[in-house]
Amino acid sequence: MGYNTKEDSAEYLSKKSFFDKIITIYGRNAVLEALEDDTVSIHKLHFADSNRSAEQLIQMVKIAEKRDIEIAYHDKKMLSRISKNAKQDQGVALDIVLEQALSEEEFLAENSTFRILALDGVLNPQNLGMIIRSAAAGNIDAVLLPTKNAAQISPLVIKASAGTIFKLPIIKTKSLVKSLENFKSKNAKVYTLSSHAESDYRDTEYTDQTIFVLGNESEGITAEVEAVSTASISIPMNRGVESLNVAVTASLLAFL
């Protein structure tokens, strides 16, 4: 379909913006829990048409009908494409609307001052969920999350975040380096965490536009991200402890 007028273009961008906010979860327990939570905005419920009758499935249909949620039935192959996890979807998937998801341009248009946690290769879903929870509870305005080589929003992440993922802006990026460079062009300062840095994170004076970058659980910050950072800061350790879990580090930064 072509979009040749301003009205058509606006409609396309509106639809694209909406579907960029959709995340799909799968598995009968996770889907039923999400359906039962009235605070979760839901777009569509998907079933494999080969599913045998089961109490959980019946309950899902009842809740979906009560909440006026669209229900779609697919062959098993199509359902697996939707869930992207044929081995674990159990014939069920659910499209959730992540209302707080937005692009960096949208975020910058709405926020002249901010503190952001950017994640450079955080792979553990539980860590991601706990980072989001700490960010939401603390003084963080958004989490900057790469769409590749990083944990993505999943039932495990939602559970670990204790539902706070629906309260905090999530900025997704295809290139963390490019996004950091973009924020820097808008006067943001980018700080990476390193045990070798001389600057104590508690003694650094932060500006009104600050980004903290947390690295991979075992490898830390990548060289590409380190190259675009403004400075490196450290969390002093006692008793020979080398480092903290990335989610614990996020908690300390969230409450600065």
Protein backbone atom coordinates (compact mmCIF):
# COMPACT_ATOMS: atom_id res chain seq x y z
CA MET A 1 0.00 0.00 0.00
CA GLY A 2 1.37 3.45 -0.95
CA TYR A 3 1.22 6.60 1.17
CA ASN A 4 1.18 9.60 -1.16
CA THR A 5 -0.44 12.35 0.90
CA LYS A 6 0.44 13.99 4.20
CA GLU A 7 -2.66 12.40 5.72
CA ASP A 8 -1.63 8.94 4.49
CA SER A 9 1.90 9.47 5.75
CA ALA A 10 0.66 10.57 9.16
CA GLU A 11 -1.58 7.49 9.34
CA TYR A 12 1.38 5.23 8.49
CA LEU A 13 3.62 6.85 11.10
CA SER A 14 0.86 6.59 13.68
CA LYS A 15 0.40 2.87 12.99
CA LYS A 16 4.16 2.28 12.99
CA SER A 17 4.51 4.10 16.30
CA PHE A 18 1.75 1.95 17.79
CA PHE A 19 3.19 -1.37 16.61
CA ASP A 20 6.66 -0.34 17.81
CA LYS A 21 5.13 -0.44 21.29
CA ILE A 22 3.91 -4.03 20.93
CA ILE A 23 5.76 -6.81 22.71
CA THR A 24 4.67 -10.43 22.46
CA ILE A 25 4.81 -12.83 25.36
CA TYR A 26 4.02 -16.54 25.27
CA GLY A 27 3.35 -19.52 27.50
CA ARG A 28 0.07 -20.30 29.24
CA ASN A 29 0.99 -19.17 32.75
CA ALA A 30 2.55 -15.89 31.60
CA VAL A 31 -0.30 -15.07 29.23
CA LEU A 32 -3.01 -15.84 31.81
CA GLU A 33 -1.25 -13.69 34.43
CA ALA A 34 -1.05 -10.78 32.00
CA LEU A 35 -4.72 -11.13 31.03
CA GLU A 36 -5.74 -11.13 34.69
CA ASP A 37 -3.85 -7.86 35.32
CA ASP A 38 -6.20 -5.01 34.39
CA THR A 39 -3.31 -2.53 34.41
CA VAL A 40 -1.70 -4.25 31.42
CA SER A 41 -2.82 -2.87 28.05
CA ILE A 42 -3.38 -5.73 25.58
CA HIS A 43 -3.71 -5.63 21.80
CA LYS A 44 -4.47 -9.23 20.77
CA LEU A 45 -4.61 -12.80 22.09
CA HIS A 46 -3.32 -15.56 19.78
CA PHE A 47 -4.09 -19.29 19.90
CA ALA A 48 -2.92 -22.25 17.84
CA ASP A 49 -6.05 -23.84 16.35
CA SER A 50 -4.58 -27.26 17.19
CA ASN A 51 -4.80 -26.65 20.94
CA ARG A 52 -6.76 -29.22 22.91
CA SER A 53 -9.36 -27.90 25.32
CA ALA A 54 -7.87 -26.95 28.70
CA GLU A 55 -9.10 -24.97 31.69
CA GLN A 56 -6.40 -22.30 31.29
CA LEU A 57 -7.36 -21.71 27.67
CA ILE A 58 -11.06 -21.47 28.55
CA GLN A 59 -10.21 -18.94 31.26
CA MET A 60 -8.16 -16.89 28.80
CA VAL A 61 -11.07 -16.70 26.37
CA LYS A 62 -13.46 -15.63 29.13
CA ILE A 63 -11.15 -12.84 30.29
CA ALA A 64 -10.43 -11.70 26.73
CA GLU A 65 -14.13 -11.49 25.92
CA LYS A 66 -14.82 -9.62 29.16
CA ARG A 67 -12.03 -7.14 28.39
CA ASP A 68 -13.03 -6.89 24.72
CA ILE A 69 -9.65 -8.17 23.56
CA GLU A 70 -9.38 -9.48 20.01
CA ILE A 71 -8.77 -13.24 19.75
CA ALA A 72 -7.05 -14.74 16.71
CA TYR A 73 -6.59 -18.42 15.80
CA HIS A 74 -3.66 -19.63 13.68
CA ASP A 75 -2.13 -22.85 12.48
CA LYS A 76 0.77 -23.97 14.64
CA LYS A 77 3.42 -22.73 12.21
CA MET A 78 1.98 -19.22 12.12
CA LEU A 79 1.60 -19.13 15.91
CA SER A 80 5.29 -19.99 16.26
CA ARG A 81 6.16 -17.08 13.98
CA ILE A 82 4.18 -14.77 16.24
CA SER A 83 5.64 -16.10 19.49
CA LYS A 84 9.14 -16.60 18.02
CA ASN A 85 9.48 -19.55 20.39
CA ALA A 86 7.76 -22.66 19.05
CA LYS A 87 9.24 -24.91 21.74
CA GLN A 88 7.88 -22.94 24.68
CA ASP A 89 4.82 -21.00 23.52
CA GLN A 90 2.40 -23.85 24.44
CA GLY A 91 0.10 -22.72 21.64
CA VAL A 92 -0.53 -19.28 23.12
CA ALA A 93 0.84 -15.78 22.56
CA LEU A 94 -0.26 -12.34 23.71
CA ASP A 95 0.48 -8.92 22.22
CA ILE A 96 1.01 -6.41 25.02
CA VAL A 97 1.09 -2.68 24.43
CA LEU A 98 4.13 -1.20 26.15
CA GLU A 99 2.68 2.29 26.50
CA GLN A 100 5.96 3.72 27.76
CA ALA A 101 8.01 2.56 24.76
CA LEU A 102 9.25 5.41 22.57
CA SER A 103 12.03 6.43 20.21
CA GLU A 104 14.96 8.58 21.33
CA GLU A 105 13.59 11.43 19.18
CA GLU A 106 10.24 11.21 20.96
CA PHE A 107 11.98 11.10 24.34
CA LEU A 108 14.17 14.12 23.56
CA ALA A 109 11.15 16.07 22.33
CA GLU A 110 9.45 15.53 25.68
CA ASN A 111 12.45 15.79 28.04
CA SER A 112 14.98 18.63 28.25
CA THR A 113 16.58 17.20 31.39
CA PHE A 114 17.04 13.53 32.16
CA ARG A 115 18.97 10.69 33.71
CA ILE A 116 19.09 7.52 31.64
CA LEU A 117 20.42 4.01 32.22
CA ALA A 118 21.83 2.63 28.95
CA LEU A 119 22.51 -1.10 28.70
CA ASP A 120 25.50 -2.36 26.73
CA GLY A 121 25.02 -6.09 26.23
CA VAL A 122 23.11 -7.02 29.39
CA LEU A 123 21.98 -10.55 28.52
CA ASN A 124 20.31 -11.95 31.63
CA PRO A 125 16.52 -11.37 31.58
CA GLN A 126 16.32 -11.32 35.36
CA ASN A 127 19.02 -8.64 35.51
CA LEU A 128 17.14 -6.57 32.94
CA GLY A 129 13.93 -6.83 34.94
CA MET A 130 15.64 -5.84 38.19
CA ILE A 131 17.42 -2.93 36.48
CA ILE A 132 14.08 -1.64 35.21
CA ARG A 133 12.57 -2.02 38.67
CA SER A 134 15.36 -0.02 40.32
CA ALA A 135 15.23 2.62 37.59
CA ALA A 136 11.47 3.02 38.01
CA ALA A 137 11.78 3.29 41.79
CA GLY A 138 14.72 5.70 41.68
CA ASN A 139 15.71 8.88 39.90
CA ILE A 140 15.97 7.47 36.37
CA ASP A 141 13.82 8.83 33.55
CA ALA A 142 14.28 6.03 31.00
CA VAL A 143 16.19 2.87 30.09
CA LEU A 144 18.00 2.80 26.73
CA LEU A 145 17.81 -0.78 25.44
CA PRO A 146 19.54 -2.13 22.29
CA THR A 147 17.44 -4.45 20.13
CA LYS A 148 20.40 -6.75 19.37
CA ASN A 149 22.91 -8.63 21.55
CA ALA A 150 20.89 -7.85 24.66
CA ALA A 151 18.06 -9.31 26.71
CA GLN A 152 14.65 -8.25 25.40
CA ILE A 153 11.28 -7.79 27.08
CA SER A 154 9.93 -11.24 27.93
CA PRO A 155 7.76 -12.91 30.58
CA LEU A 156 10.88 -13.36 32.74
CA VAL A 157 11.75 -9.68 32.46
CA ILE A 158 8.20 -8.59 33.25
CA LYS A 159 8.14 -10.84 36.31
CA ALA A 160 11.57 -9.67 37.53
CA SER A 161 10.50 -6.05 37.11
CA ALA A 162 7.42 -6.71 39.26
CA GLY A 163 5.29 -4.90 36.71
CA THR A 164 7.34 -1.68 36.82
CA ILE A 165 8.21 -2.13 33.14
CA PHE A 166 4.80 -0.61 32.43
CA LYS A 167 5.69 2.52 34.40
CA LEU A 168 9.10 3.50 32.99
CA PRO A 169 9.92 4.83 29.50
CA ILE A 170 11.87 2.25 27.48
CA ILE A 171 13.88 3.65 24.56
CA LYS A 172 14.80 0.93 22.06
CA THR A 173 17.76 1.45 19.76
CA LYS A 174 19.25 -0.46 16.84
CA SER A 175 22.68 1.04 17.59
CA LEU A 176 23.65 2.00 21.13
CA VAL A 177 26.73 3.86 19.90
CA LYS A 178 24.73 6.00 17.46
CA SER A 179 22.11 6.73 20.11
CA LEU A 180 24.74 7.80 22.62
CA GLU A 181 26.33 10.03 20.00
CA ASN A 182 22.91 11.52 19.29
CA PHE A 183 22.32 12.26 22.97
CA LYS A 184 25.82 13.75 23.25
CA SER A 185 25.03 16.08 20.35
CA LYS A 186 22.19 17.38 22.55
CA ASN A 187 24.72 18.14 25.34
CA ALA A 188 24.26 14.91 27.31
CA LYS A 189 27.20 13.49 29.26
CA VAL A 190 27.82 9.74 29.00
CA TYR A 191 29.42 7.87 31.91
CA THR A 192 30.62 4.27 31.76
CA LEU A 193 31.23 2.17 34.86
CA SER A 194 34.68 0.67 35.33
CA SER A 195 36.47 -0.79 38.35
CA HIS A 196 39.67 0.80 37.00
CA ALA A 197 38.31 4.35 36.83
CA GLU A 198 39.81 6.87 39.25
CA SER A 199 36.66 8.99 39.65
CA ASP A 200 34.33 7.91 42.48
CA TYR A 201 30.72 7.84 41.26
CA ARG A 202 29.65 9.63 44.44
CA ASP A 203 32.05 12.55 43.95
CA THR A 204 31.27 13.28 40.30
CA GLU A 205 29.13 16.31 39.51
CA TYR A 206 26.47 15.30 37.01
CA THR A 207 24.67 17.63 34.63
CA ASP A 208 20.92 17.78 33.97
CA GLN A 209 21.45 15.49 30.96
CA THR A 210 23.25 12.39 32.14
CA ILE A 211 23.48 8.84 30.80
CA PHE A 212 25.00 5.96 32.77
CA VAL A 213 26.07 2.94 30.71
CA LEU A 214 26.02 -0.52 32.29
CA GLY A 215 27.97 -3.29 30.57
CA ASN A 216 27.67 -7.01 29.95
CA GLU A 217 27.61 -9.28 33.00
CA SER A 218 31.04 -10.79 32.27
CA GLU A 219 32.69 -8.63 29.60
CA GLY A 220 31.68 -5.18 30.81
CA ILE A 221 31.54 -2.17 28.49
CA THR A 222 32.43 -2.68 24.82
CA ALA A 223 35.33 -0.73 23.33
CA GLU A 224 32.97 1.00 20.87
CA VAL A 225 30.80 2.37 23.67
CA GLU A 226 33.82 3.27 25.81
CA ALA A 227 35.14 5.32 22.90
CA VAL A 228 32.11 7.62 22.87
CA SER A 229 31.81 8.05 26.63
CA THR A 230 32.46 11.37 28.34
CA ALA A 231 34.19 9.79 31.32
CA SER A 232 34.51 6.59 33.29
CA ILE A 233 33.47 6.31 36.93
CA SER A 234 33.91 3.62 39.56
CA ILE A 235 32.13 2.24 42.60
CA PRO A 236 34.81 1.74 45.27
CA MET A 237 34.99 -1.79 46.67
CA ASN A 238 36.10 -3.08 50.05
CA ARG A 239 37.63 -6.40 51.17
CA GLY A 240 38.96 -7.28 47.74
CA VAL A 241 35.56 -7.52 46.06
CA GLU A 242 36.11 -6.92 42.33
CA SER A 243 32.65 -5.89 41.17
CA LEU A 244 28.92 -5.88 41.80
CA ASN A 245 26.10 -7.53 39.91
CA VAL A 246 24.93 -5.20 37.14
CA ALA A 247 21.45 -4.92 38.66
CA VAL A 248 22.92 -3.90 42.02
CA THR A 249 25.04 -1.27 40.27
CA ALA A 250 21.90 0.04 38.59
CA SER A 251 20.26 0.41 42.01
CA LEU A 252 23.11 2.53 43.34
CA LEU A 253 23.02 4.82 40.30
CA ALA A 254 19.23 5.08 40.37
CA PHE A 255 19.26 6.62 43.83
CA LEU A 256 22.12 9.10 43.36
